[in-house]
Structure formats: C-alpha cells, structure tokens
N, C-alpha and C. Protein backbone atom coordinates (compact mmCIF):
# COMPACT_ATOMS: atom_id res chain seq x y z
N UNK A 1 112.17 -10.36 -35.88
CA UNK A 1 112.45 -9.48 -34.75
C UNK A 1 113.55 -10.09 -33.90
N UNK A 2 114.49 -9.28 -33.48
CA UNK A 2 115.59 -9.73 -32.65
C UNK A 2 115.14 -9.80 -31.20
N UNK A 3 115.47 -10.90 -30.55
CA UNK A 3 115.14 -11.09 -29.13
C UNK A 3 116.08 -10.26 -28.28
N UNK A 4 115.56 -9.47 -27.30
CA UNK A 4 116.44 -8.73 -26.40
C UNK A 4 117.29 -9.68 -25.56
N UNK A 5 118.41 -9.19 -25.04
CA UNK A 5 119.27 -10.00 -24.18
C UNK A 5 118.57 -10.28 -22.86
N UNK A 6 119.07 -11.28 -22.15
CA UNK A 6 118.48 -11.67 -20.87
C UNK A 6 118.50 -10.52 -19.87
N UNK A 7 119.51 -9.64 -19.95
CA UNK A 7 119.60 -8.53 -19.00
C UNK A 7 118.51 -7.48 -19.22
N UNK A 8 117.82 -7.55 -20.35
CA UNK A 8 116.72 -6.62 -20.65
C UNK A 8 115.52 -6.87 -19.74
N UNK A 9 115.29 -8.12 -19.38
CA UNK A 9 114.10 -8.51 -18.63
C UNK A 9 114.31 -8.37 -17.13
N UNK A 10 113.22 -8.09 -16.41
CA UNK A 10 113.28 -7.93 -14.96
C UNK A 10 111.92 -8.31 -14.38
N UNK A 11 111.87 -8.70 -13.10
CA UNK A 11 110.58 -9.00 -12.48
C UNK A 11 109.73 -7.73 -12.36
N UNK A 12 108.47 -7.83 -12.73
CA UNK A 12 107.57 -6.68 -12.64
C UNK A 12 107.37 -6.29 -11.18
N UNK A 13 107.19 -5.01 -10.92
CA UNK A 13 106.96 -4.58 -9.53
C UNK A 13 105.68 -5.19 -8.97
N UNK A 14 105.63 -5.33 -7.66
CA UNK A 14 104.44 -5.90 -7.02
C UNK A 14 103.24 -4.96 -7.13
N UNK A 15 103.49 -3.66 -7.01
CA UNK A 15 102.37 -2.73 -7.08
C UNK A 15 101.96 -2.54 -8.53
N UNK A 16 100.66 -2.43 -8.72
CA UNK A 16 100.11 -2.25 -10.06
C UNK A 16 99.43 -0.89 -10.17
N UNK A 17 99.35 -0.38 -11.38
CA UNK A 17 98.68 0.89 -11.60
C UNK A 17 97.34 0.71 -12.31
N UNK A 18 97.25 -0.36 -13.11
CA UNK A 18 96.06 -0.55 -13.93
C UNK A 18 95.50 -1.96 -13.77
N UNK A 19 94.20 -2.09 -13.90
CA UNK A 19 93.50 -3.36 -13.76
C UNK A 19 93.87 -4.28 -14.92
N UNK A 20 94.23 -5.52 -14.60
CA UNK A 20 94.54 -6.47 -15.66
C UNK A 20 93.28 -7.11 -16.26
N UNK A 21 92.11 -6.74 -15.76
CA UNK A 21 90.85 -7.23 -16.31
C UNK A 21 90.23 -6.26 -17.31
N UNK A 22 90.27 -4.96 -16.97
CA UNK A 22 89.61 -3.98 -17.86
C UNK A 22 90.50 -2.81 -18.26
N UNK A 23 91.69 -2.68 -17.64
CA UNK A 23 92.62 -1.62 -18.02
C UNK A 23 92.43 -0.30 -17.29
N UNK A 24 91.43 -0.21 -16.42
CA UNK A 24 91.18 1.04 -15.69
C UNK A 24 92.23 1.26 -14.61
N UNK A 25 92.38 2.52 -14.18
CA UNK A 25 93.31 2.86 -13.10
C UNK A 25 92.81 2.23 -11.81
N UNK A 26 93.75 1.70 -11.02
CA UNK A 26 93.42 1.07 -9.75
C UNK A 26 93.40 2.08 -8.62
N UNK A 27 92.58 1.78 -7.61
CA UNK A 27 92.53 2.57 -6.38
C UNK A 27 93.07 1.71 -5.25
N UNK A 28 93.64 2.35 -4.22
CA UNK A 28 94.09 1.65 -3.00
C UNK A 28 93.03 1.88 -1.94
N UNK A 29 92.37 0.81 -1.52
CA UNK A 29 91.34 0.92 -0.49
C UNK A 29 91.10 -0.42 0.17
N UNK A 30 90.36 -0.40 1.28
CA UNK A 30 89.97 -1.63 1.95
C UNK A 30 88.61 -2.02 1.39
N UNK A 31 88.53 -3.13 0.63
CA UNK A 31 87.25 -3.53 0.06
C UNK A 31 86.25 -3.91 1.16
N UNK A 32 84.96 -3.86 0.86
CA UNK A 32 83.95 -4.29 1.83
C UNK A 32 84.23 -5.75 2.25
N UNK A 33 83.99 -6.05 3.52
CA UNK A 33 84.21 -7.39 4.08
C UNK A 33 85.68 -7.82 4.05
N UNK A 34 86.60 -6.88 3.96
CA UNK A 34 88.04 -7.18 4.00
C UNK A 34 88.63 -6.37 5.14
N UNK A 35 89.92 -6.57 5.44
CA UNK A 35 90.55 -5.83 6.52
C UNK A 35 91.92 -5.29 6.14
N UNK A 36 92.26 -5.29 4.83
CA UNK A 36 93.57 -4.82 4.38
C UNK A 36 93.42 -3.93 3.16
N UNK A 37 94.39 -3.02 3.02
CA UNK A 37 94.45 -2.21 1.81
C UNK A 37 94.75 -3.11 0.62
N UNK A 38 94.05 -2.91 -0.47
CA UNK A 38 94.23 -3.70 -1.68
C UNK A 38 94.21 -2.79 -2.89
N UNK A 39 94.77 -3.28 -4.00
CA UNK A 39 94.59 -2.62 -5.29
C UNK A 39 93.24 -3.09 -5.83
N UNK A 40 92.33 -2.14 -6.03
CA UNK A 40 90.96 -2.46 -6.41
C UNK A 40 90.58 -1.64 -7.64
N UNK A 41 89.88 -2.30 -8.56
CA UNK A 41 89.36 -1.59 -9.73
C UNK A 41 87.93 -1.14 -9.41
N UNK A 42 87.72 0.16 -9.38
CA UNK A 42 86.38 0.69 -9.10
C UNK A 42 85.51 0.68 -10.35
N UNK A 43 86.08 0.29 -11.49
CA UNK A 43 85.29 0.18 -12.72
C UNK A 43 84.65 -1.20 -12.84
N UNK A 44 85.45 -2.29 -12.71
CA UNK A 44 84.90 -3.64 -12.91
C UNK A 44 84.79 -4.43 -11.61
N UNK A 45 85.38 -3.94 -10.51
CA UNK A 45 85.26 -4.61 -9.22
C UNK A 45 86.35 -5.62 -8.91
N UNK A 46 87.32 -5.81 -9.80
CA UNK A 46 88.39 -6.78 -9.56
C UNK A 46 89.27 -6.33 -8.39
N UNK A 47 89.54 -7.26 -7.48
CA UNK A 47 90.46 -7.02 -6.38
C UNK A 47 91.76 -7.72 -6.75
N UNK A 48 92.86 -6.98 -6.76
CA UNK A 48 94.17 -7.52 -7.14
C UNK A 48 94.93 -7.87 -5.87
N UNK A 49 94.74 -9.12 -5.41
CA UNK A 49 95.38 -9.59 -4.18
C UNK A 49 96.88 -9.78 -4.41
N UNK A 50 97.66 -9.44 -3.41
CA UNK A 50 99.10 -9.70 -3.41
C UNK A 50 99.39 -10.62 -2.23
N UNK A 51 100.00 -11.75 -2.50
CA UNK A 51 100.30 -12.73 -1.47
C UNK A 51 101.79 -13.01 -1.45
N UNK A 52 102.29 -13.58 -0.33
CA UNK A 52 103.73 -13.87 -0.27
C UNK A 52 104.16 -14.82 -1.38
N UNK A 53 105.38 -14.65 -1.82
CA UNK A 53 105.97 -15.53 -2.82
C UNK A 53 106.75 -16.62 -2.10
N UNK A 54 106.67 -17.84 -2.62
CA UNK A 54 107.38 -18.97 -2.03
C UNK A 54 108.71 -19.19 -2.72
N UNK A 55 109.76 -19.27 -1.91
CA UNK A 55 111.08 -19.66 -2.39
C UNK A 55 111.31 -21.09 -1.91
N UNK A 56 111.67 -21.98 -2.84
CA UNK A 56 111.86 -23.38 -2.50
C UNK A 56 113.28 -23.80 -2.84
N UNK A 57 113.86 -24.64 -1.99
CA UNK A 57 115.24 -25.04 -2.24
C UNK A 57 115.62 -26.31 -1.51
N UNK A 58 116.88 -26.65 -1.66
CA UNK A 58 117.40 -27.90 -1.12
C UNK A 58 118.72 -27.65 -0.40
N UNK A 59 118.91 -28.38 0.71
CA UNK A 59 120.22 -28.48 1.36
C UNK A 59 120.81 -29.80 0.83
N UNK A 60 121.68 -29.72 -0.20
CA UNK A 60 122.18 -30.93 -0.82
C UNK A 60 123.39 -31.50 -0.06
N UNK A 61 123.20 -32.67 0.55
CA UNK A 61 124.22 -33.29 1.38
C UNK A 61 125.03 -34.27 0.52
N UNK A 62 126.36 -34.22 0.67
CA UNK A 62 127.25 -35.11 -0.06
C UNK A 62 128.16 -35.80 0.94
N UNK A 63 128.25 -37.11 0.81
CA UNK A 63 129.02 -37.93 1.75
C UNK A 63 128.52 -37.63 3.16
N UNK A 64 129.35 -37.63 4.14
CA UNK A 64 128.85 -37.40 5.50
C UNK A 64 129.06 -35.97 5.97
N UNK A 65 129.96 -35.24 5.33
CA UNK A 65 130.34 -33.96 5.92
C UNK A 65 130.48 -32.84 4.89
N UNK A 66 129.75 -32.93 3.78
CA UNK A 66 129.84 -31.88 2.77
C UNK A 66 128.45 -31.42 2.34
N UNK A 67 128.42 -30.20 1.84
CA UNK A 67 127.18 -29.62 1.33
C UNK A 67 127.51 -28.98 -0.01
N UNK A 68 126.54 -29.02 -0.93
CA UNK A 68 126.71 -28.45 -2.25
C UNK A 68 126.17 -27.02 -2.27
N UNK A 69 127.00 -26.07 -2.72
CA UNK A 69 126.58 -24.68 -2.86
C UNK A 69 126.80 -24.23 -4.30
N UNK A 70 126.05 -23.22 -4.70
CA UNK A 70 126.17 -22.63 -6.03
C UNK A 70 126.59 -21.17 -5.91
N UNK A 71 127.50 -20.75 -6.78
CA UNK A 71 127.93 -19.34 -6.81
C UNK A 71 127.07 -18.62 -7.85
N UNK A 72 126.35 -17.59 -7.41
CA UNK A 72 125.34 -16.93 -8.23
C UNK A 72 125.93 -16.19 -9.42
N UNK A 73 125.28 -16.37 -10.58
CA UNK A 73 125.67 -15.68 -11.81
C UNK A 73 124.69 -14.58 -12.14
N UNK A 74 123.75 -14.30 -11.22
CA UNK A 74 122.72 -13.30 -11.45
C UNK A 74 122.59 -12.40 -10.22
N UNK A 75 122.01 -11.23 -10.44
CA UNK A 75 121.64 -10.36 -9.32
C UNK A 75 120.27 -10.81 -8.80
N UNK A 76 119.95 -10.56 -7.57
CA UNK A 76 120.80 -9.90 -6.58
C UNK A 76 121.87 -10.85 -6.03
N UNK A 77 122.88 -10.25 -5.49
CA UNK A 77 123.98 -10.95 -4.82
C UNK A 77 124.83 -11.78 -5.78
N UNK A 78 125.12 -11.19 -6.93
CA UNK A 78 126.01 -11.82 -7.91
C UNK A 78 127.32 -12.23 -7.24
N UNK A 79 127.85 -13.40 -7.59
CA UNK A 79 129.15 -13.89 -7.15
C UNK A 79 129.19 -14.27 -5.66
N UNK A 80 128.03 -14.53 -5.07
CA UNK A 80 127.98 -15.02 -3.69
C UNK A 80 127.45 -16.46 -3.73
N UNK A 81 127.67 -17.19 -2.65
CA UNK A 81 127.29 -18.60 -2.58
C UNK A 81 125.89 -18.75 -2.00
N UNK A 82 125.18 -19.74 -2.51
CA UNK A 82 123.82 -19.97 -2.06
C UNK A 82 123.49 -21.45 -2.14
N UNK A 83 122.44 -21.84 -1.45
CA UNK A 83 121.86 -23.15 -1.66
C UNK A 83 121.04 -23.10 -2.95
N UNK A 84 120.91 -24.22 -3.67
CA UNK A 84 120.07 -24.22 -4.86
C UNK A 84 118.61 -23.94 -4.46
N UNK A 85 118.08 -22.82 -4.93
CA UNK A 85 116.73 -22.42 -4.53
C UNK A 85 116.23 -21.33 -5.48
N UNK A 86 114.93 -21.13 -5.49
CA UNK A 86 114.35 -20.07 -6.30
C UNK A 86 112.84 -20.05 -6.11
N UNK A 87 112.19 -19.19 -6.86
CA UNK A 87 110.76 -19.01 -6.72
C UNK A 87 109.99 -20.22 -7.26
N UNK A 88 109.02 -20.64 -6.48
CA UNK A 88 108.14 -21.73 -6.88
C UNK A 88 107.30 -21.28 -8.07
N UNK A 89 107.05 -22.17 -9.00
CA UNK A 89 106.24 -21.87 -10.18
C UNK A 89 104.81 -22.36 -9.97
N UNK A 90 103.88 -21.75 -10.68
CA UNK A 90 102.50 -22.20 -10.63
C UNK A 90 102.43 -23.65 -11.10
N UNK A 91 101.58 -24.44 -10.47
CA UNK A 91 101.39 -25.83 -10.86
C UNK A 91 102.38 -26.80 -10.24
N UNK A 92 103.30 -26.31 -9.42
CA UNK A 92 104.29 -27.16 -8.76
C UNK A 92 103.91 -27.39 -7.31
N UNK A 93 104.34 -28.54 -6.77
CA UNK A 93 104.34 -28.72 -5.33
C UNK A 93 105.63 -28.11 -4.79
N UNK A 94 105.71 -27.96 -3.49
CA UNK A 94 106.95 -27.44 -2.89
C UNK A 94 108.13 -28.31 -3.27
N UNK A 95 107.97 -29.63 -3.14
CA UNK A 95 109.05 -30.55 -3.45
C UNK A 95 109.45 -30.53 -4.91
N UNK A 96 108.47 -30.46 -5.80
CA UNK A 96 108.78 -30.40 -7.24
C UNK A 96 109.57 -29.14 -7.56
N UNK A 97 109.17 -28.03 -6.97
CA UNK A 97 109.89 -26.77 -7.21
C UNK A 97 111.32 -26.83 -6.72
N UNK A 98 111.51 -27.42 -5.53
CA UNK A 98 112.87 -27.53 -4.97
C UNK A 98 113.75 -28.40 -5.86
N UNK A 99 113.21 -29.50 -6.35
CA UNK A 99 113.98 -30.38 -7.24
C UNK A 99 114.29 -29.69 -8.58
N UNK A 100 113.34 -28.93 -9.10
CA UNK A 100 113.58 -28.20 -10.35
C UNK A 100 114.70 -27.19 -10.16
N UNK A 101 114.66 -26.44 -9.06
CA UNK A 101 115.72 -25.46 -8.79
C UNK A 101 117.07 -26.14 -8.64
N UNK A 102 117.08 -27.29 -8.01
CA UNK A 102 118.32 -28.06 -7.86
C UNK A 102 118.89 -28.41 -9.23
N UNK A 103 118.05 -28.90 -10.12
CA UNK A 103 118.49 -29.27 -11.46
C UNK A 103 118.96 -28.05 -12.24
N UNK A 104 118.22 -26.93 -12.14
CA UNK A 104 118.56 -25.73 -12.90
C UNK A 104 119.87 -25.09 -12.43
N UNK A 105 120.06 -25.02 -11.13
CA UNK A 105 121.19 -24.25 -10.59
C UNK A 105 122.45 -25.08 -10.38
N UNK A 106 122.30 -26.36 -10.04
CA UNK A 106 123.48 -27.18 -9.76
C UNK A 106 123.65 -28.33 -10.75
N UNK A 107 122.58 -28.75 -11.39
CA UNK A 107 122.65 -29.89 -12.29
C UNK A 107 123.05 -31.16 -11.58
N UNK A 108 122.67 -31.29 -10.32
CA UNK A 108 123.05 -32.45 -9.53
C UNK A 108 121.88 -33.43 -9.42
N UNK A 109 122.21 -34.70 -9.31
CA UNK A 109 121.22 -35.74 -9.07
C UNK A 109 121.10 -35.93 -7.56
N UNK A 110 119.86 -35.93 -7.06
CA UNK A 110 119.65 -36.05 -5.62
C UNK A 110 118.55 -37.05 -5.30
N UNK A 111 118.62 -37.54 -4.08
CA UNK A 111 117.56 -38.35 -3.50
C UNK A 111 116.83 -37.45 -2.51
N UNK A 112 115.57 -37.07 -2.82
CA UNK A 112 114.87 -36.11 -1.95
C UNK A 112 114.71 -36.62 -0.53
N UNK A 113 114.81 -35.68 0.40
CA UNK A 113 114.66 -36.00 1.81
C UNK A 113 113.55 -35.18 2.44
N UNK A 114 113.55 -35.08 3.77
CA UNK A 114 112.47 -34.42 4.49
C UNK A 114 112.56 -32.89 4.48
N UNK A 115 111.46 -32.29 4.84
CA UNK A 115 111.39 -30.85 5.05
C UNK A 115 112.39 -30.48 6.14
N UNK A 116 113.09 -29.35 5.97
CA UNK A 116 114.10 -28.96 6.95
C UNK A 116 113.84 -27.60 7.56
N UNK A 117 113.69 -26.54 6.73
CA UNK A 117 113.40 -25.22 7.29
C UNK A 117 112.21 -24.58 6.57
N UNK A 118 111.42 -23.85 7.36
CA UNK A 118 110.34 -23.02 6.85
C UNK A 118 110.56 -21.65 7.47
N UNK A 119 110.86 -20.65 6.63
CA UNK A 119 111.29 -19.35 7.13
C UNK A 119 110.37 -18.26 6.59
N UNK A 120 109.69 -17.58 7.49
CA UNK A 120 108.86 -16.43 7.09
C UNK A 120 109.75 -15.20 7.00
N UNK A 121 109.67 -14.51 5.86
CA UNK A 121 110.45 -13.28 5.64
C UNK A 121 109.46 -12.19 5.25
N UNK A 122 108.66 -11.70 6.23
CA UNK A 122 107.56 -10.80 5.88
C UNK A 122 108.00 -9.49 5.25
N UNK A 123 109.17 -8.96 5.61
CA UNK A 123 109.60 -7.69 5.03
C UNK A 123 109.92 -7.84 3.54
N UNK A 124 110.21 -9.06 3.08
CA UNK A 124 110.46 -9.31 1.65
C UNK A 124 109.24 -9.94 0.98
N UNK A 125 108.16 -10.11 1.73
CA UNK A 125 106.92 -10.72 1.22
C UNK A 125 107.17 -12.12 0.68
N UNK A 126 107.97 -12.92 1.45
CA UNK A 126 108.35 -14.25 1.00
C UNK A 126 108.28 -15.26 2.14
N UNK A 127 108.16 -16.53 1.75
CA UNK A 127 108.32 -17.66 2.66
C UNK A 127 109.34 -18.58 1.98
N UNK A 128 110.40 -18.94 2.70
CA UNK A 128 111.46 -19.81 2.16
C UNK A 128 111.32 -21.19 2.77
N UNK A 129 111.35 -22.21 1.92
CA UNK A 129 111.19 -23.60 2.36
C UNK A 129 112.35 -24.41 1.80
N UNK A 130 113.09 -25.09 2.69
CA UNK A 130 114.23 -25.91 2.27
C UNK A 130 114.01 -27.36 2.71
N UNK A 131 114.37 -28.27 1.81
CA UNK A 131 114.35 -29.70 2.07
C UNK A 131 115.78 -30.21 2.16
N UNK A 132 115.98 -31.30 2.89
CA UNK A 132 117.24 -32.02 2.85
C UNK A 132 117.20 -32.96 1.65
N UNK A 133 118.36 -33.24 1.06
CA UNK A 133 118.45 -34.21 -0.03
C UNK A 133 119.87 -34.74 -0.08
N UNK A 134 120.01 -36.02 -0.42
CA UNK A 134 121.33 -36.63 -0.58
C UNK A 134 121.73 -36.55 -2.04
N UNK A 135 122.90 -35.99 -2.30
CA UNK A 135 123.45 -35.97 -3.65
C UNK A 135 123.94 -37.38 -3.96
N UNK A 136 123.57 -37.90 -5.13
CA UNK A 136 123.88 -39.29 -5.46
C UNK A 136 125.05 -39.45 -6.42
N UNK A 137 125.60 -38.34 -6.91
CA UNK A 137 126.74 -38.40 -7.83
C UNK A 137 127.53 -37.11 -7.71
N UNK A 138 128.83 -37.18 -7.91
CA UNK A 138 129.63 -35.94 -7.85
C UNK A 138 129.67 -35.21 -9.18
N UNK A 139 128.89 -35.67 -10.16
CA UNK A 139 128.81 -35.00 -11.46
C UNK A 139 127.85 -33.82 -11.33
N UNK A 140 128.34 -32.62 -11.61
CA UNK A 140 127.56 -31.39 -11.50
C UNK A 140 127.51 -30.71 -12.86
N UNK A 141 126.38 -30.09 -13.17
CA UNK A 141 126.21 -29.38 -14.43
C UNK A 141 125.41 -28.11 -14.18
N UNK A 142 126.05 -27.09 -13.56
CA UNK A 142 125.31 -25.88 -13.20
C UNK A 142 124.78 -25.15 -14.43
N UNK A 143 123.59 -24.58 -14.27
CA UNK A 143 122.93 -23.85 -15.35
C UNK A 143 123.38 -22.40 -15.40
N UNK A 144 122.71 -21.60 -16.24
CA UNK A 144 123.14 -20.21 -16.48
C UNK A 144 123.00 -19.27 -15.28
N UNK A 145 122.25 -19.66 -14.26
CA UNK A 145 122.12 -18.82 -13.08
C UNK A 145 123.25 -19.02 -12.08
N UNK A 146 124.13 -19.98 -12.36
CA UNK A 146 125.25 -20.29 -11.45
C UNK A 146 126.57 -20.17 -12.18
N UNK A 147 127.54 -19.48 -11.54
CA UNK A 147 128.90 -19.43 -12.07
C UNK A 147 129.60 -20.76 -11.87
N UNK A 148 129.28 -21.43 -10.76
CA UNK A 148 129.82 -22.75 -10.48
C UNK A 148 129.01 -23.39 -9.37
N UNK A 149 129.12 -24.70 -9.27
CA UNK A 149 128.57 -25.46 -8.15
C UNK A 149 129.72 -26.25 -7.56
N UNK A 150 129.76 -26.32 -6.22
CA UNK A 150 130.92 -26.94 -5.58
C UNK A 150 130.53 -27.52 -4.22
N UNK A 151 131.20 -28.61 -3.87
CA UNK A 151 131.01 -29.22 -2.56
C UNK A 151 131.93 -28.55 -1.54
N UNK A 152 131.39 -28.26 -0.36
CA UNK A 152 132.16 -27.68 0.74
C UNK A 152 132.07 -28.59 1.96
N UNK A 153 133.22 -28.87 2.59
CA UNK A 153 133.18 -29.50 3.90
C UNK A 153 132.49 -28.52 4.85
N UNK A 154 131.83 -29.04 5.84
CA UNK A 154 131.07 -28.18 6.75
C UNK A 154 131.97 -27.17 7.45
N UNK A 155 133.24 -27.49 7.65
CA UNK A 155 134.18 -26.56 8.27
C UNK A 155 134.63 -25.46 7.31
N UNK A 156 134.35 -25.64 6.03
CA UNK A 156 134.84 -24.69 5.01
C UNK A 156 133.74 -23.89 4.33
N UNK A 157 132.53 -23.90 4.88
CA UNK A 157 131.43 -23.12 4.29
C UNK A 157 131.85 -21.65 4.26
N UNK A 158 131.69 -20.97 3.13
CA UNK A 158 132.11 -19.56 3.03
C UNK A 158 131.09 -18.61 3.69
N UNK A 159 131.06 -18.64 5.01
CA UNK A 159 130.05 -17.90 5.79
C UNK A 159 130.01 -16.42 5.44
N UNK A 160 131.15 -15.81 5.17
CA UNK A 160 131.19 -14.37 4.89
C UNK A 160 130.78 -14.02 3.46
N UNK A 161 130.52 -15.04 2.65
CA UNK A 161 130.16 -14.77 1.25
C UNK A 161 128.90 -15.55 0.85
N UNK A 162 127.97 -15.69 1.80
CA UNK A 162 126.69 -16.32 1.50
C UNK A 162 125.70 -15.27 1.03
N UNK A 163 124.83 -15.65 0.10
CA UNK A 163 123.97 -14.69 -0.59
C UNK A 163 122.86 -14.10 0.27
N UNK A 164 122.19 -14.93 1.06
CA UNK A 164 120.98 -14.49 1.73
C UNK A 164 120.96 -14.96 3.18
N UNK A 165 120.29 -14.19 4.01
CA UNK A 165 120.19 -14.54 5.43
C UNK A 165 119.47 -15.87 5.64
N UNK A 166 118.50 -16.19 4.79
CA UNK A 166 117.80 -17.47 4.92
C UNK A 166 118.74 -18.64 4.63
N UNK A 167 119.68 -18.44 3.72
CA UNK A 167 120.67 -19.48 3.42
C UNK A 167 121.60 -19.66 4.62
N UNK A 168 122.08 -18.55 5.18
CA UNK A 168 122.94 -18.62 6.36
C UNK A 168 122.22 -19.31 7.51
N UNK A 169 120.99 -18.92 7.77
CA UNK A 169 120.23 -19.49 8.89
C UNK A 169 119.97 -20.98 8.68
N UNK A 170 119.68 -21.37 7.45
CA UNK A 170 119.43 -22.78 7.16
C UNK A 170 120.72 -23.59 7.33
N UNK A 171 121.83 -23.07 6.82
CA UNK A 171 123.10 -23.78 6.97
C UNK A 171 123.55 -23.85 8.42
N UNK A 172 123.31 -22.80 9.21
CA UNK A 172 123.66 -22.83 10.63
C UNK A 172 122.90 -23.96 11.34
N UNK A 173 121.63 -24.09 11.02
CA UNK A 173 120.82 -25.14 11.63
C UNK A 173 121.25 -26.53 11.14
N UNK A 174 121.64 -26.59 9.86
CA UNK A 174 122.10 -27.87 9.33
C UNK A 174 123.39 -28.32 10.04
N UNK A 175 124.34 -27.42 10.18
CA UNK A 175 125.60 -27.75 10.85
C UNK A 175 125.33 -28.17 12.30
N UNK A 176 124.46 -27.44 12.99
CA UNK A 176 124.14 -27.77 14.39
C UNK A 176 123.47 -29.14 14.47
N UNK A 177 122.51 -29.43 13.60
CA UNK A 177 121.84 -30.73 13.61
C UNK A 177 122.81 -31.86 13.22
N UNK A 178 123.71 -31.56 12.29
CA UNK A 178 124.69 -32.56 11.86
C UNK A 178 125.56 -32.99 13.05
N UNK A 179 125.92 -32.05 13.91
CA UNK A 179 126.74 -32.37 15.09
C UNK A 179 126.01 -33.31 16.05
N UNK A 180 124.70 -33.15 16.15
CA UNK A 180 123.93 -34.01 17.06
C UNK A 180 123.50 -35.31 16.38
N UNK A 181 123.54 -35.34 15.04
CA UNK A 181 123.09 -36.51 14.31
C UNK A 181 121.58 -36.63 14.23
N UNK A 182 120.88 -35.58 14.62
CA UNK A 182 119.41 -35.59 14.62
C UNK A 182 118.90 -34.36 13.88
N UNK A 183 118.30 -34.58 12.72
CA UNK A 183 117.77 -33.48 11.91
C UNK A 183 116.30 -33.30 12.21
N UNK A 184 115.92 -32.05 12.48
CA UNK A 184 114.53 -31.75 12.80
C UNK A 184 114.03 -30.64 11.88
N UNK A 185 112.74 -30.40 11.91
CA UNK A 185 112.17 -29.30 11.13
C UNK A 185 112.31 -28.02 11.94
N UNK A 186 112.78 -26.96 11.27
CA UNK A 186 112.96 -25.66 11.92
C UNK A 186 112.02 -24.66 11.25
N UNK A 187 111.18 -24.03 12.06
CA UNK A 187 110.27 -23.00 11.55
C UNK A 187 110.56 -21.73 12.32
N UNK A 188 110.85 -20.62 11.61
CA UNK A 188 111.21 -19.37 12.28
C UNK A 188 111.00 -18.19 11.33
N UNK A 189 111.15 -17.00 11.88
CA UNK A 189 111.00 -15.76 11.12
C UNK A 189 112.35 -15.06 11.03
N UNK A 190 112.51 -14.28 9.99
CA UNK A 190 113.66 -13.39 9.88
C UNK A 190 113.14 -11.97 9.75
N UNK A 191 113.54 -11.14 10.71
CA UNK A 191 113.11 -9.74 10.73
C UNK A 191 114.07 -8.89 9.92
N UNK A 192 113.60 -7.74 9.47
CA UNK A 192 114.51 -6.86 8.71
C UNK A 192 115.61 -6.32 9.59
N UNK A 193 116.77 -6.10 8.98
CA UNK A 193 117.84 -5.37 9.66
C UNK A 193 117.53 -3.90 9.52
N UNK A 194 118.20 -3.10 10.34
CA UNK A 194 117.98 -1.65 10.26
C UNK A 194 118.32 -1.10 8.89
N UNK A 195 119.33 -1.71 8.21
CA UNK A 195 119.76 -1.18 6.92
C UNK A 195 119.13 -1.91 5.74
N UNK A 196 118.26 -2.91 5.97
CA UNK A 196 117.59 -3.62 4.86
C UNK A 196 116.53 -2.75 4.22
C-alpha cells in the first residue's frame, strides 16, 4: 500500500460525534456532579473530556544580543517567523517537550534555562509555555517543519512577519527584560481579537 503524502493528514477536530469506547453517538450534556457541557455516551457512560492543549517552546539566545527564529514550512502561518515551539506530547515534561521542539524545528544545541512565559490562550483552548535557553553552537539543522532557522539581532526581529501573538508577546518581554538585564517569569492571558 502506498503511503499518502504528508499534506493528506490533518489534526482531528476537537468535537467528537461517536464514543471511542463503544462507538455509540455522543450527546452534549452536563453530567451529574459536573458543571460543564461535555460529550457523553449515554450507552456506556464514558465522558469525553476536552482539556487545553499545551504548546511548549524555547527563546533561544545566541551571544548577548541575538535570538534564533525559525521560518515556518507548514500551515498555519506558512512562511512566517516563530520561536521553536509546538504541542507537548504525552509522556513528556514541559522542558522535555520544549527541547524536542527545539531539536525538530531548529536543529540547534542549547543549554536549557529557566521558565520565561506562561500564556493562557483560552479562545484557542491552549496554554503556551516558553523557556529561555542559551544556544551553544552556530550550527543549525532545521527539520521539515522549518524553511530555515536564523539568528536575528534584537533590533532586527521581523516583528511584522511573526507567526503568532504568543511569539510576539514573548519576544516583546524578552527584549524588555534584556534591556534591564533582569529576566523574570511572565504569566498573562491573550484575548481574542475581534477578527480572530
């Protein structure tokens, strides 16, 4: 059998129609002793909980005044710049996931650093977590999700061509902290825009 191309595959929708335990049609209701609408199987009793997805990533620092960004080779936001980041996998810690994404998207060697931003994005059902890390070599080997990986001086960050608002907000805080020489943990929310 021939394997379909990568463009054939897509993330499954969050909403489900059928129970993954018994195959029966799901109902939308508030289960007893709960306070939220859920996908519930009235045949076998399985409650299909949906929880926020974690995006983990790194702010890769190079020398004293540069940051490593990757140009996306995938949708959404093809051909825009981003920090190395992606969805956390089952069985990973936050830090392990961030380092894996760094290796996959930039192919850079880093020395892991402290937690930097924790961003709630409730309209996208996500939480984004970024760590600081020092890049230890200028050798980069971006994977298939990146068109290229490149170092930018802080004055040359392509602000108008960044992929996601969480990336912009994280980089803004990084640049501000860099000016003071004191990096702190930033926890905040990003609300939807009118056109999102």
